[in-house]
PDBML (XML) file of the C-alpha atoms, coordinates in Angstrom:
<?xml version="1.0" encoding="UTF-8" ?>
<PDBx:datablock datablockName="MODEL"
   xmlns:PDBx="http://pdbml.pdb.org/schema/pdbx-v50.xsd"
   xmlns:xsi="http://www.w3.org/2001/XMLSchema-instance"
   xsi:schemaLocation="http://pdbml.pdb.org/schema/pdbx-v50.xsd pdbx-v50.xsd">
   <PDBx:atom_siteCategory>
      <PDBx:atom_site id="1">
         <PDBx:B_iso_or_equiv>0.00</PDBx:B_iso_or_equiv>
         <PDBx:Cartn_x>135.267</PDBx:Cartn_x>
         <PDBx:Cartn_y>94.296</PDBx:Cartn_y>
         <PDBx:Cartn_z>138.366</PDBx:Cartn_z>
         <PDBx:auth_asym_id>A</PDBx:auth_asym_id>
         <PDBx:auth_atom_id>CA</PDBx:auth_atom_id>
         <PDBx:auth_comp_id>UNK</PDBx:auth_comp_id>
         <PDBx:auth_seq_id>1</PDBx:auth_seq_id>
         <PDBx:group_PDB>ATOM</PDBx:group_PDB>
         <PDBx:label_alt_id xsi:nil="true" />
         <PDBx:label_asym_id>A</PDBx:label_asym_id>
         <PDBx:label_atom_id>CA</PDBx:label_atom_id>
         <PDBx:label_comp_id>UNK</PDBx:label_comp_id>
         <PDBx:label_entity_id>1</PDBx:label_entity_id>
         <PDBx:label_seq_id>1</PDBx:label_seq_id>
         <PDBx:occupancy>1.00</PDBx:occupancy>
         <PDBx:pdbx_PDB_model_num>1</PDBx:pdbx_PDB_model_num>
         <PDBx:type_symbol>C</PDBx:type_symbol>
      </PDBx:atom_site>
      <PDBx:atom_site id="2">
         <PDBx:B_iso_or_equiv>0.00</PDBx:B_iso_or_equiv>
         <PDBx:Cartn_x>138.835</PDBx:Cartn_x>
         <PDBx:Cartn_y>93.372</PDBx:Cartn_y>
         <PDBx:Cartn_z>137.390</PDBx:Cartn_z>
         <PDBx:auth_asym_id>A</PDBx:auth_asym_id>
         <PDBx:auth_atom_id>CA</PDBx:auth_atom_id>
         <PDBx:auth_comp_id>UNK</PDBx:auth_comp_id>
         <PDBx:auth_seq_id>2</PDBx:auth_seq_id>
         <PDBx:group_PDB>ATOM</PDBx:group_PDB>
         <PDBx:label_alt_id xsi:nil="true" />
         <PDBx:label_asym_id>A</PDBx:label_asym_id>
         <PDBx:label_atom_id>CA</PDBx:label_atom_id>
         <PDBx:label_comp_id>UNK</PDBx:label_comp_id>
         <PDBx:label_entity_id>1</PDBx:label_entity_id>
         <PDBx:label_seq_id>2</PDBx:label_seq_id>
         <PDBx:occupancy>1.00</PDBx:occupancy>
         <PDBx:pdbx_PDB_model_num>1</PDBx:pdbx_PDB_model_num>
         <PDBx:type_symbol>C</PDBx:type_symbol>
      </PDBx:atom_site>
      <PDBx:atom_site id="3">
         <PDBx:B_iso_or_equiv>0.00</PDBx:B_iso_or_equiv>
         <PDBx:Cartn_x>139.510</PDBx:Cartn_x>
         <PDBx:Cartn_y>92.341</PDBx:Cartn_y>
         <PDBx:Cartn_z>140.978</PDBx:Cartn_z>
         <PDBx:auth_asym_id>A</PDBx:auth_asym_id>
         <PDBx:auth_atom_id>CA</PDBx:auth_atom_id>
         <PDBx:auth_comp_id>UNK</PDBx:auth_comp_id>
         <PDBx:auth_seq_id>3</PDBx:auth_seq_id>
         <PDBx:group_PDB>ATOM</PDBx:group_PDB>
         <PDBx:label_alt_id xsi:nil="true" />
         <PDBx:label_asym_id>A</PDBx:label_asym_id>
         <PDBx:label_atom_id>CA</PDBx:label_atom_id>
         <PDBx:label_comp_id>UNK</PDBx:label_comp_id>
         <PDBx:label_entity_id>1</PDBx:label_entity_id>
         <PDBx:label_seq_id>3</PDBx:label_seq_id>
         <PDBx:occupancy>1.00</PDBx:occupancy>
         <PDBx:pdbx_PDB_model_num>1</PDBx:pdbx_PDB_model_num>
         <PDBx:type_symbol>C</PDBx:type_symbol>
      </PDBx:atom_site>
      <PDBx:atom_site id="4">
         <PDBx:B_iso_or_equiv>0.00</PDBx:B_iso_or_equiv>
         <PDBx:Cartn_x>136.807</PDBx:Cartn_x>
         <PDBx:Cartn_y>89.654</PDBx:Cartn_y>
         <PDBx:Cartn_z>140.771</PDBx:Cartn_z>
         <PDBx:auth_asym_id>A</PDBx:auth_asym_id>
         <PDBx:auth_atom_id>CA</PDBx:auth_atom_id>
         <PDBx:auth_comp_id>UNK</PDBx:auth_comp_id>
         <PDBx:auth_seq_id>4</PDBx:auth_seq_id>
         <PDBx:group_PDB>ATOM</PDBx:group_PDB>
         <PDBx:label_alt_id xsi:nil="true" />
         <PDBx:label_asym_id>A</PDBx:label_asym_id>
         <PDBx:label_atom_id>CA</PDBx:label_atom_id>
         <PDBx:label_comp_id>UNK</PDBx:label_comp_id>
         <PDBx:label_entity_id>1</PDBx:label_entity_id>
         <PDBx:label_seq_id>4</PDBx:label_seq_id>
         <PDBx:occupancy>1.00</PDBx:occupancy>
         <PDBx:pdbx_PDB_model_num>1</PDBx:pdbx_PDB_model_num>
         <PDBx:type_symbol>C</PDBx:type_symbol>
      </PDBx:atom_site>
      <PDBx:atom_site id="5">
         <PDBx:B_iso_or_equiv>0.00</PDBx:B_iso_or_equiv>
         <PDBx:Cartn_x>137.971</PDBx:Cartn_x>
         <PDBx:Cartn_y>88.702</PDBx:Cartn_y>
         <PDBx:Cartn_z>137.232</PDBx:Cartn_z>
         <PDBx:auth_asym_id>A</PDBx:auth_asym_id>
         <PDBx:auth_atom_id>CA</PDBx:auth_atom_id>
         <PDBx:auth_comp_id>UNK</PDBx:auth_comp_id>
         <PDBx:auth_seq_id>5</PDBx:auth_seq_id>
         <PDBx:group_PDB>ATOM</PDBx:group_PDB>
         <PDBx:label_alt_id xsi:nil="true" />
         <PDBx:label_asym_id>A</PDBx:label_asym_id>
         <PDBx:label_atom_id>CA</PDBx:label_atom_id>
         <PDBx:label_comp_id>UNK</PDBx:label_comp_id>
         <PDBx:label_entity_id>1</PDBx:label_entity_id>
         <PDBx:label_seq_id>5</PDBx:label_seq_id>
         <PDBx:occupancy>1.00</PDBx:occupancy>
         <PDBx:pdbx_PDB_model_num>1</PDBx:pdbx_PDB_model_num>
         <PDBx:type_symbol>C</PDBx:type_symbol>
      </PDBx:atom_site>
      <PDBx:atom_site id="6">
         <PDBx:B_iso_or_equiv>0.00</PDBx:B_iso_or_equiv>
         <PDBx:Cartn_x>134.688</PDBx:Cartn_x>
         <PDBx:Cartn_y>89.678</PDBx:Cartn_y>
         <PDBx:Cartn_z>135.662</PDBx:Cartn_z>
         <PDBx:auth_asym_id>A</PDBx:auth_asym_id>
         <PDBx:auth_atom_id>CA</PDBx:auth_atom_id>
         <PDBx:auth_comp_id>UNK</PDBx:auth_comp_id>
         <PDBx:auth_seq_id>6</PDBx:auth_seq_id>
         <PDBx:group_PDB>ATOM</PDBx:group_PDB>
         <PDBx:label_alt_id xsi:nil="true" />
         <PDBx:label_asym_id>A</PDBx:label_asym_id>
         <PDBx:label_atom_id>CA</PDBx:label_atom_id>
         <PDBx:label_comp_id>UNK</PDBx:label_comp_id>
         <PDBx:label_entity_id>1</PDBx:label_entity_id>
         <PDBx:label_seq_id>6</PDBx:label_seq_id>
         <PDBx:occupancy>1.00</PDBx:occupancy>
         <PDBx:pdbx_PDB_model_num>1</PDBx:pdbx_PDB_model_num>
         <PDBx:type_symbol>C</PDBx:type_symbol>
      </PDBx:atom_site>
      <PDBx:atom_site id="7">
         <PDBx:B_iso_or_equiv>0.00</PDBx:B_iso_or_equiv>
         <PDBx:Cartn_x>133.444</PDBx:Cartn_x>
         <PDBx:Cartn_y>91.700</PDBx:Cartn_y>
         <PDBx:Cartn_z>132.687</PDBx:Cartn_z>
         <PDBx:auth_asym_id>A</PDBx:auth_asym_id>
         <PDBx:auth_atom_id>CA</PDBx:auth_atom_id>
         <PDBx:auth_comp_id>UNK</PDBx:auth_comp_id>
         <PDBx:auth_seq_id>7</PDBx:auth_seq_id>
         <PDBx:group_PDB>ATOM</PDBx:group_PDB>
         <PDBx:label_alt_id xsi:nil="true" />
         <PDBx:label_asym_id>A</PDBx:label_asym_id>
         <PDBx:label_atom_id>CA</PDBx:label_atom_id>
         <PDBx:label_comp_id>UNK</PDBx:label_comp_id>
         <PDBx:label_entity_id>1</PDBx:label_entity_id>
         <PDBx:label_seq_id>7</PDBx:label_seq_id>
         <PDBx:occupancy>1.00</PDBx:occupancy>
         <PDBx:pdbx_PDB_model_num>1</PDBx:pdbx_PDB_model_num>
         <PDBx:type_symbol>C</PDBx:type_symbol>
      </PDBx:atom_site>
      <PDBx:atom_site id="8">
         <PDBx:B_iso_or_equiv>0.00</PDBx:B_iso_or_equiv>
         <PDBx:Cartn_x>130.174</PDBx:Cartn_x>
         <PDBx:Cartn_y>93.614</PDBx:Cartn_y>
         <PDBx:Cartn_z>132.331</PDBx:Cartn_z>
         <PDBx:auth_asym_id>A</PDBx:auth_asym_id>
         <PDBx:auth_atom_id>CA</PDBx:auth_atom_id>
         <PDBx:auth_comp_id>UNK</PDBx:auth_comp_id>
         <PDBx:auth_seq_id>8</PDBx:auth_seq_id>
         <PDBx:group_PDB>ATOM</PDBx:group_PDB>
         <PDBx:label_alt_id xsi:nil="true" />
         <PDBx:label_asym_id>A</PDBx:label_asym_id>
         <PDBx:label_atom_id>CA</PDBx:label_atom_id>
         <PDBx:label_comp_id>UNK</PDBx:label_comp_id>
         <PDBx:label_entity_id>1</PDBx:label_entity_id>
         <PDBx:label_seq_id>8</PDBx:label_seq_id>
         <PDBx:occupancy>1.00</PDBx:occupancy>
         <PDBx:pdbx_PDB_model_num>1</PDBx:pdbx_PDB_model_num>
         <PDBx:type_symbol>C</PDBx:type_symbol>
      </PDBx:atom_site>
      <PDBx:atom_site id="9">
         <PDBx:B_iso_or_equiv>0.00</PDBx:B_iso_or_equiv>
         <PDBx:Cartn_x>127.774</PDBx:Cartn_x>
         <PDBx:Cartn_y>93.783</PDBx:Cartn_y>
         <PDBx:Cartn_z>129.394</PDBx:Cartn_z>
         <PDBx:auth_asym_id>A</PDBx:auth_asym_id>
         <PDBx:auth_atom_id>CA</PDBx:auth_atom_id>
         <PDBx:auth_comp_id>UNK</PDBx:auth_comp_id>
         <PDBx:auth_seq_id>9</PDBx:auth_seq_id>
         <PDBx:group_PDB>ATOM</PDBx:group_PDB>
         <PDBx:label_alt_id xsi:nil="true" />
         <PDBx:label_asym_id>A</PDBx:label_asym_id>
         <PDBx:label_atom_id>CA</PDBx:label_atom_id>
         <PDBx:label_comp_id>UNK</PDBx:label_comp_id>
         <PDBx:label_entity_id>1</PDBx:label_entity_id>
         <PDBx:label_seq_id>9</PDBx:label_seq_id>
         <PDBx:occupancy>1.00</PDBx:occupancy>
         <PDBx:pdbx_PDB_model_num>1</PDBx:pdbx_PDB_model_num>
         <PDBx:type_symbol>C</PDBx:type_symbol>
      </PDBx:atom_site>
      <PDBx:atom_site id="10">
         <PDBx:B_iso_or_equiv>0.00</PDBx:B_iso_or_equiv>
         <PDBx:Cartn_x>125.762</PDBx:Cartn_x>
         <PDBx:Cartn_y>96.784</PDBx:Cartn_y>
         <PDBx:Cartn_z>130.588</PDBx:Cartn_z>
         <PDBx:auth_asym_id>A</PDBx:auth_asym_id>
         <PDBx:auth_atom_id>CA</PDBx:auth_atom_id>
         <PDBx:auth_comp_id>UNK</PDBx:auth_comp_id>
         <PDBx:auth_seq_id>10</PDBx:auth_seq_id>
         <PDBx:group_PDB>ATOM</PDBx:group_PDB>
         <PDBx:label_alt_id xsi:nil="true" />
         <PDBx:label_asym_id>A</PDBx:label_asym_id>
         <PDBx:label_atom_id>CA</PDBx:label_atom_id>
         <PDBx:label_comp_id>UNK</PDBx:label_comp_id>
         <PDBx:label_entity_id>1</PDBx:label_entity_id>
         <PDBx:label_seq_id>10</PDBx:label_seq_id>
         <PDBx:occupancy>1.00</PDBx:occupancy>
         <PDBx:pdbx_PDB_model_num>1</PDBx:pdbx_PDB_model_num>
         <PDBx:type_symbol>C</PDBx:type_symbol>
      </PDBx:atom_site>
      <PDBx:atom_site id="11">
         <PDBx:B_iso_or_equiv>0.00</PDBx:B_iso_or_equiv>
         <PDBx:Cartn_x>126.263</PDBx:Cartn_x>
         <PDBx:Cartn_y>100.051</PDBx:Cartn_y>
         <PDBx:Cartn_z>132.453</PDBx:Cartn_z>
         <PDBx:auth_asym_id>A</PDBx:auth_asym_id>
         <PDBx:auth_atom_id>CA</PDBx:auth_atom_id>
         <PDBx:auth_comp_id>UNK</PDBx:auth_comp_id>
         <PDBx:auth_seq_id>11</PDBx:auth_seq_id>
         <PDBx:group_PDB>ATOM</PDBx:group_PDB>
         <PDBx:label_alt_id xsi:nil="true" />
         <PDBx:label_asym_id>A</PDBx:label_asym_id>
         <PDBx:label_atom_id>CA</PDBx:label_atom_id>
         <PDBx:label_comp_id>UNK</PDBx:label_comp_id>
         <PDBx:label_entity_id>1</PDBx:label_entity_id>
         <PDBx:label_seq_id>11</PDBx:label_seq_id>
         <PDBx:occupancy>1.00</PDBx:occupancy>
         <PDBx:pdbx_PDB_model_num>1</PDBx:pdbx_PDB_model_num>
         <PDBx:type_symbol>C</PDBx:type_symbol>
      </PDBx:atom_site>
      <PDBx:atom_site id="12">
         <PDBx:B_iso_or_equiv>0.00</PDBx:B_iso_or_equiv>
         <PDBx:Cartn_x>123.686</PDBx:Cartn_x>
         <PDBx:Cartn_y>102.226</PDBx:Cartn_y>
         <PDBx:Cartn_z>134.208</PDBx:Cartn_z>
         <PDBx:auth_asym_id>A</PDBx:auth_asym_id>
         <PDBx:auth_atom_id>CA</PDBx:auth_atom_id>
         <PDBx:auth_comp_id>UNK</PDBx:auth_comp_id>
         <PDBx:auth_seq_id>12</PDBx:auth_seq_id>
         <PDBx:group_PDB>ATOM</PDBx:group_PDB>
         <PDBx:label_alt_id xsi:nil="true" />
         <PDBx:label_asym_id>A</PDBx:label_asym_id>
         <PDBx:label_atom_id>CA</PDBx:label_atom_id>
         <PDBx:label_comp_id>UNK</PDBx:label_comp_id>
         <PDBx:label_entity_id>1</PDBx:label_entity_id>
         <PDBx:label_seq_id>12</PDBx:label_seq_id>
         <PDBx:occupancy>1.00</PDBx:occupancy>
         <PDBx:pdbx_PDB_model_num>1</PDBx:pdbx_PDB_model_num>
         <PDBx:type_symbol>C</PDBx:type_symbol>
      </PDBx:atom_site>
      <PDBx:atom_site id="13">
         <PDBx:B_iso_or_equiv>0.00</PDBx:B_iso_or_equiv>
         <PDBx:Cartn_x>124.324</PDBx:Cartn_x>
         <PDBx:Cartn_y>105.844</PDBx:Cartn_y>
         <PDBx:Cartn_z>135.204</PDBx:Cartn_z>
         <PDBx:auth_asym_id>A</PDBx:auth_asym_id>
         <PDBx:auth_atom_id>CA</PDBx:auth_atom_id>
         <PDBx:auth_comp_id>UNK</PDBx:auth_comp_id>
         <PDBx:auth_seq_id>13</PDBx:auth_seq_id>
         <PDBx:group_PDB>ATOM</PDBx:group_PDB>
         <PDBx:label_alt_id xsi:nil="true" />
         <PDBx:label_asym_id>A</PDBx:label_asym_id>
         <PDBx:label_atom_id>CA</PDBx:label_atom_id>
         <PDBx:label_comp_id>UNK</PDBx:label_comp_id>
         <PDBx:label_entity_id>1</PDBx:label_entity_id>
         <PDBx:label_seq_id>13</PDBx:label_seq_id>
         <PDBx:occupancy>1.00</PDBx:occupancy>
         <PDBx:pdbx_PDB_model_num>1</PDBx:pdbx_PDB_model_num>
         <PDBx:type_symbol>C</PDBx:type_symbol>
      </PDBx:atom_site>
      <PDBx:atom_site id="14">
         <PDBx:B_iso_or_equiv>0.00</PDBx:B_iso_or_equiv>
         <PDBx:Cartn_x>121.929</PDBx:Cartn_x>
         <PDBx:Cartn_y>107.782</PDBx:Cartn_y>
         <PDBx:Cartn_z>137.437</PDBx:Cartn_z>
         <PDBx:auth_asym_id>A</PDBx:auth_asym_id>
         <PDBx:auth_atom_id>CA</PDBx:auth_atom_id>
         <PDBx:auth_comp_id>UNK</PDBx:auth_comp_id>
         <PDBx:auth_seq_id>14</PDBx:auth_seq_id>
         <PDBx:group_PDB>ATOM</PDBx:group_PDB>
         <PDBx:label_alt_id xsi:nil="true" />
         <PDBx:label_asym_id>A</PDBx:label_asym_id>
         <PDBx:label_atom_id>CA</PDBx:label_atom_id>
         <PDBx:label_comp_id>UNK</PDBx:label_comp_id>
         <PDBx:label_entity_id>1</PDBx:label_entity_id>
         <PDBx:label_seq_id>14</PDBx:label_seq_id>
         <PDBx:occupancy>1.00</PDBx:occupancy>
         <PDBx:pdbx_PDB_model_num>1</PDBx:pdbx_PDB_model_num>
         <PDBx:type_symbol>C</PDBx:type_symbol>
      </PDBx:atom_site>
      <PDBx:atom_site id="15">
         <PDBx:B_iso_or_equiv>0.00</PDBx:B_iso_or_equiv>
         <PDBx:Cartn_x>121.586</PDBx:Cartn_x>
         <PDBx:Cartn_y>111.249</PDBx:Cartn_y>
         <PDBx:Cartn_z>138.964</PDBx:Cartn_z>
         <PDBx:auth_asym_id>A</PDBx:auth_asym_id>
         <PDBx:auth_atom_id>CA</PDBx:auth_atom_id>
         <PDBx:auth_comp_id>UNK</PDBx:auth_comp_id>
         <PDBx:auth_seq_id>15</PDBx:auth_seq_id>
         <PDBx:group_PDB>ATOM</PDBx:group_PDB>
         <PDBx:label_alt_id xsi:nil="true" />
         <PDBx:label_asym_id>A</PDBx:label_asym_id>
         <PDBx:label_atom_id>CA</PDBx:label_atom_id>
         <PDBx:label_comp_id>UNK</PDBx:label_comp_id>
         <PDBx:label_entity_id>1</PDBx:label_entity_id>
         <PDBx:label_seq_id>15</PDBx:label_seq_id>
         <PDBx:occupancy>1.00</PDBx:occupancy>
         <PDBx:pdbx_PDB_model_num>1</PDBx:pdbx_PDB_model_num>
         <PDBx:type_symbol>C</PDBx:type_symbol>
      </PDBx:atom_site>
      <PDBx:atom_site id="16">
         <PDBx:B_iso_or_equiv>0.00</PDBx:B_iso_or_equiv>
         <PDBx:Cartn_x>119.485</PDBx:Cartn_x>
         <PDBx:Cartn_y>112.398</PDBx:Cartn_y>
         <PDBx:Cartn_z>141.933</PDBx:Cartn_z>
         <PDBx:auth_asym_id>A</PDBx:auth_asym_id>
         <PDBx:auth_atom_id>CA</PDBx:auth_atom_id>
         <PDBx:auth_comp_id>UNK</PDBx:auth_comp_id>
         <PDBx:auth_seq_id>16</PDBx:auth_seq_id>
         <PDBx:group_PDB>ATOM</PDBx:group_PDB>
         <PDBx:label_alt_id xsi:nil="true" />
         <PDBx:label_asym_id>A</PDBx:label_asym_id>
         <PDBx:label_atom_id>CA</PDBx:label_atom_id>
         <PDBx:label_comp_id>UNK</PDBx:label_comp_id>
         <PDBx:label_entity_id>1</PDBx:label_entity_id>
         <PDBx:label_seq_id>16</PDBx:label_seq_id>
         <PDBx:occupancy>1.00</PDBx:occupancy>
         <PDBx:pdbx_PDB_model_num>1</PDBx:pdbx_PDB_model_num>
         <PDBx:type_symbol>C</PDBx:type_symbol>
      </PDBx:atom_site>
      <PDBx:atom_site id="17">
         <PDBx:B_iso_or_equiv>0.00</PDBx:B_iso_or_equiv>
         <PDBx:Cartn_x>118.571</PDBx:Cartn_x>
         <PDBx:Cartn_y>115.893</PDBx:Cartn_y>
         <PDBx:Cartn_z>143.057</PDBx:Cartn_z>
         <PDBx:auth_asym_id>A</PDBx:auth_asym_id>
         <PDBx:auth_atom_id>CA</PDBx:auth_atom_id>
         <PDBx:auth_comp_id>UNK</PDBx:auth_comp_id>
         <PDBx:auth_seq_id>17</PDBx:auth_seq_id>
         <PDBx:group_PDB>ATOM</PDBx:group_PDB>
         <PDBx:label_alt_id xsi:nil="true" />
         <PDBx:label_asym_id>A</PDBx:label_asym_id>
         <PDBx:label_atom_id>CA</PDBx:label_atom_id>
         <PDBx:label_comp_id>UNK</PDBx:label_comp_id>
         <PDBx:label_entity_id>1</PDBx:label_entity_id>
         <PDBx:label_seq_id>17</PDBx:label_seq_id>
         <PDBx:occupancy>1.00</PDBx:occupancy>
         <PDBx:pdbx_PDB_model_num>1</PDBx:pdbx_PDB_model_num>
         <PDBx:type_symbol>C</PDBx:type_symbol>
      </PDBx:atom_site>
      <PDBx:atom_site id="18">
         <PDBx:B_iso_or_equiv>0.00</PDBx:B_iso_or_equiv>
         <PDBx:Cartn_x>118.184</PDBx:Cartn_x>
         <PDBx:Cartn_y>116.701</PDBx:Cartn_y>
         <PDBx:Cartn_z>146.765</PDBx:Cartn_z>
         <PDBx:auth_asym_id>A</PDBx:auth_asym_id>
         <PDBx:auth_atom_id>CA</PDBx:auth_atom_id>
         <PDBx:auth_comp_id>UNK</PDBx:auth_comp_id>
         <PDBx:auth_seq_id>18</PDBx:auth_seq_id>
         <PDBx:group_PDB>ATOM</PDBx:group_PDB>
         <PDBx:label_alt_id xsi:nil="true" />
         <PDBx:label_asym_id>A</PDBx:label_asym_id>
         <PDBx:label_atom_id>CA</PDBx:label_atom_id>
         <PDBx:label_comp_id>UNK</PDBx:label_comp_id>
         <PDBx:label_entity_id>1</PDBx:label_entity_id>
         <PDBx:label_seq_id>18</PDBx:label_seq_id>
         <PDBx:occupancy>1.00</PDBx:occupancy>
         <PDBx:pdbx_PDB_model_num>1</PDBx:pdbx_PDB_model_num>
         <PDBx:type_symbol>C</PDBx:type_symbol>
      </PDBx:atom_site>
      <PDBx:atom_site id="19">
         <PDBx:B_iso_or_equiv>0.00</PDBx:B_iso_or_equiv>
         <PDBx:Cartn_x>114.754</PDBx:Cartn_x>
         <PDBx:Cartn_y>115.437</PDBx:Cartn_y>
         <PDBx:Cartn_z>147.836</PDBx:Cartn_z>
         <PDBx:auth_asym_id>A</PDBx:auth_asym_id>
         <PDBx:auth_atom_id>CA</PDBx:auth_atom_id>
         <PDBx:auth_comp_id>UNK</PDBx:auth_comp_id>
         <PDBx:auth_seq_id>19</PDBx:auth_seq_id>
         <PDBx:group_PDB>ATOM</PDBx:group_PDB>
         <PDBx:label_alt_id xsi:nil="true" />
         <PDBx:label_asym_id>A</PDBx:label_asym_id>
         <PDBx:label_atom_id>CA</PDBx:label_atom_id>
         <PDBx:label_comp_id>UNK</PDBx:label_comp_id>
         <PDBx:label_entity_id>1</PDBx:label_entity_id>
         <PDBx:label_seq_id>19</PDBx:label_seq_id>
         <PDBx:occupancy>1.00</PDBx:occupancy>
         <PDBx:pdbx_PDB_model_num>1</PDBx:pdbx_PDB_model_num>
         <PDBx:type_symbol>C</PDBx:type_symbol>
      </PDBx:atom_site>
      <PDBx:atom_site id="20">
         <PDBx:B_iso_or_equiv>0.00</PDBx:B_iso_or_equiv>
         <PDBx:Cartn_x>114.956</PDBx:Cartn_x>
         <PDBx:Cartn_y>117.434</PDBx:Cartn_y>
         <PDBx:Cartn_z>151.074</PDBx:Cartn_z>
         <PDBx:auth_asym_id>A</PDBx:auth_asym_id>
         <PDBx:auth_atom_id>CA</PDBx:auth_atom_id>
         <PDBx:auth_comp_id>UNK</PDBx:auth_comp_id>
         <PDBx:auth_seq_id>20</PDBx:auth_seq_id>
         <PDBx:group_PDB>ATOM</PDBx:group_PDB>
         <PDBx:label_alt_id xsi:nil="true" />
         <PDBx:label_asym_id>A</PDBx:label_asym_id>
         <PDBx:label_atom_id>CA</PDBx:label_atom_id>
         <PDBx:label_comp_id>UNK</PDBx:label_comp_id>
         <PDBx:label_entity_id>1</PDBx:label_entity_id>
         <PDBx:label_seq_id>20</PDBx:label_seq_id>
         <PDBx:occupancy>1.00</PDBx:occupancy>
         <PDBx:pdbx_PDB_model_num>1</PDBx:pdbx_PDB_model_num>
         <PDBx:type_symbol>C</PDBx:type_symbol>
      </PDBx:atom_site>
      <PDBx:atom_site id="21">
         <PDBx:B_iso_or_equiv>0.00</PDBx:B_iso_or_equiv>
         <PDBx:Cartn_x>115.052</PDBx:Cartn_x>
         <PDBx:Cartn_y>120.726</PDBx:Cartn_y>
         <PDBx:Cartn_z>149.162</PDBx:Cartn_z>
         <PDBx:auth_asym_id>A</PDBx:auth_asym_id>
         <PDBx:auth_atom_id>CA</PDBx:auth_atom_id>
         <PDBx:auth_comp_id>UNK</PDBx:auth_comp_id>
         <PDBx:auth_seq_id>21</PDBx:auth_seq_id>
         <PDBx:group_PDB>ATOM</PDBx:group_PDB>
         <PDBx:label_alt_id xsi:nil="true" />
         <PDBx:label_asym_id>A</PDBx:label_asym_id>
         <PDBx:label_atom_id>CA</PDBx:label_atom_id>
         <PDBx:label_comp_id>UNK</PDBx:label_comp_id>
         <PDBx:label_entity_id>1</PDBx:label_entity_id>
         <PDBx:label_seq_id>21</PDBx:label_seq_id>
         <PDBx:occupancy>1.00</PDBx:occupancy>
         <PDBx:pdbx_PDB_model_num>1</PDBx:pdbx_PDB_model_num>
         <PDBx:type_symbol>C</PDBx:type_symbol>
      </PDBx:atom_site>
      <PDBx:atom_site id="22">
         <PDBx:B_iso_or_equiv>0.00</PDBx:B_iso_or_equiv>
         <PDBx:Cartn_x>111.430</PDBx:Cartn_x>
         <PDBx:Cartn_y>120.881</PDBx:Cartn_y>
         <PDBx:Cartn_z>148.074</PDBx:Cartn_z>
         <PDBx:auth_asym_id>A</PDBx:auth_asym_id>
         <PDBx:auth_atom_id>CA</PDBx:auth_atom_id>
         <PDBx:auth_comp_id>UNK</PDBx:auth_comp_id>
         <PDBx:auth_seq_id>22</PDBx:auth_seq_id>
         <PDBx:group_PDB>ATOM</PDBx:group_PDB>
         <PDBx:label_alt_id xsi:nil="true" />
         <PDBx:label_asym_id>A</PDBx:label_asym_id>
         <PDBx:label_atom_id>CA</PDBx:label_atom_id>
         <PDBx:label_comp_id>UNK</PDBx:label_comp_id>
         <PDBx:label_entity_id>1</PDBx:label_entity_id>
         <PDBx:label_seq_id>22</PDBx:label_seq_id>
         <PDBx:occupancy>1.00</PDBx:occupancy>
         <PDBx:pdbx_PDB_model_num>1</PDBx:pdbx_PDB_model_num>
         <PDBx:type_symbol>C</PDBx:type_symbol>
      </PDBx:atom_site>
      <PDBx:atom_site id="23">
         <PDBx:B_iso_or_equiv>0.00</PDBx:B_iso_or_equiv>
         <PDBx:Cartn_x>111.781</PDBx:Cartn_x>
         <PDBx:Cartn_y>124.350</PDBx:Cartn_y>
         <PDBx:Cartn_z>146.531</PDBx:Cartn_z>
         <PDBx:auth_asym_id>A</PDBx:auth_asym_id>
         <PDBx:auth_atom_id>CA</PDBx:auth_atom_id>
         <PDBx:auth_comp_id>UNK</PDBx:auth_comp_id>
         <PDBx:auth_seq_id>23</PDBx:auth_seq_id>
         <PDBx:group_PDB>ATOM</PDBx:group_PDB>
         <PDBx:label_alt_id xsi:nil="true" />
         <PDBx:label_asym_id>A</PDBx:label_asym_id>
         <PDBx:label_atom_id>CA</PDBx:label_atom_id>
         <PDBx:label_comp_id>UNK</PDBx:label_comp_id>
         <PDBx:label_entity_id>1</PDBx:label_entity_id>
         <PDBx:label_seq_id>23</PDBx:label_seq_id>
         <PDBx:occupancy>1.00</PDBx:occupancy>
         <PDBx:pdbx_PDB_model_num>1</PDBx:pdbx_PDB_model_num>
         <PDBx:type_symbol>C</PDBx:type_symbol>
      </PDBx:atom_site>
      <PDBx:atom_site id="24">
         <PDBx:B_iso_or_equiv>0.00</PDBx:B_iso_or_equiv>
         <PDBx:Cartn_x>114.385</PDBx:Cartn_x>
         <PDBx:Cartn_y>123.121</PDBx:Cartn_y>
         <PDBx:Cartn_z>144.030</PDBx:Cartn_z>
         <PDBx:auth_asym_id>A</PDBx:auth_asym_id>
         <PDBx:auth_atom_id>CA</PDBx:auth_atom_id>
         <PDBx:auth_comp_id>UNK</PDBx:auth_comp_id>
         <PDBx:auth_seq_id>24</PDBx:auth_seq_id>
         <PDBx:group_PDB>ATOM</PDBx:group_PDB>
         <PDBx:label_alt_id xsi:nil="true" />
         <PDBx:label_asym_id>A</PDBx:label_asym_id>
         <PDBx:label_atom_id>CA</PDBx:label_atom_id>
         <PDBx:label_comp_id>UNK</PDBx:label_comp_id>
         <PDBx:label_entity_id>1</PDBx:label_entity_id>
         <PDBx:label_seq_id>24</PDBx:label_seq_id>
         <PDBx:occupancy>1.00</PDBx:occupancy>
         <PDBx:pdbx_PDB_model_num>1</PDBx:pdbx_PDB_model_num>
         <PDBx:type_symbol>C</PDBx:type_symbol>
      </PDBx:atom_site>
      <PDBx:atom_site id="25">
         <PDBx:B_iso_or_equiv>0.00</PDBx:B_iso_or_equiv>
         <PDBx:Cartn_x>113.459</PDBx:Cartn_x>
         <PDBx:Cartn_y>121.301</PDBx:Cartn_y>
         <PDBx:Cartn_z>140.844</PDBx:Cartn_z>
         <PDBx:auth_asym_id>A</PDBx:auth_asym_id>
         <PDBx:auth_atom_id>CA</PDBx:auth_atom_id>
         <PDBx:auth_comp_id>UNK</PDBx:auth_comp_id>
         <PDBx:auth_seq_id>25</PDBx:auth_seq_id>
         <PDBx:group_PDB>ATOM</PDBx:group_PDB>
         <PDBx:label_alt_id xsi:nil="true" />
         <PDBx:label_asym_id>A</PDBx:label_asym_id>
         <PDBx:label_atom_id>CA</PDBx:label_atom_id>
         <PDBx:label_comp_id>UNK</PDBx:label_comp_id>
         <PDBx:label_entity_id>1</PDBx:label_entity_id>
         <PDBx:label_seq_id>25</PDBx:label_seq_id>
         <PDBx:occupancy>1.00</PDBx:occupancy>
         <PDBx:pdbx_PDB_model_num>1</PDBx:pdbx_PDB_model_num>
         <PDBx:type_symbol>C</PDBx:type_symbol>
      </PDBx:atom_site>
   </PDBx:atom_siteCategory>
</PDBx:datablock>
């Protein structure tokens, strides 16, 4: 972001479990 001389107003954080492991939650 600093490299393109910009600033952000929002931030999103996400998590994903392993969709190939069907037995896991």
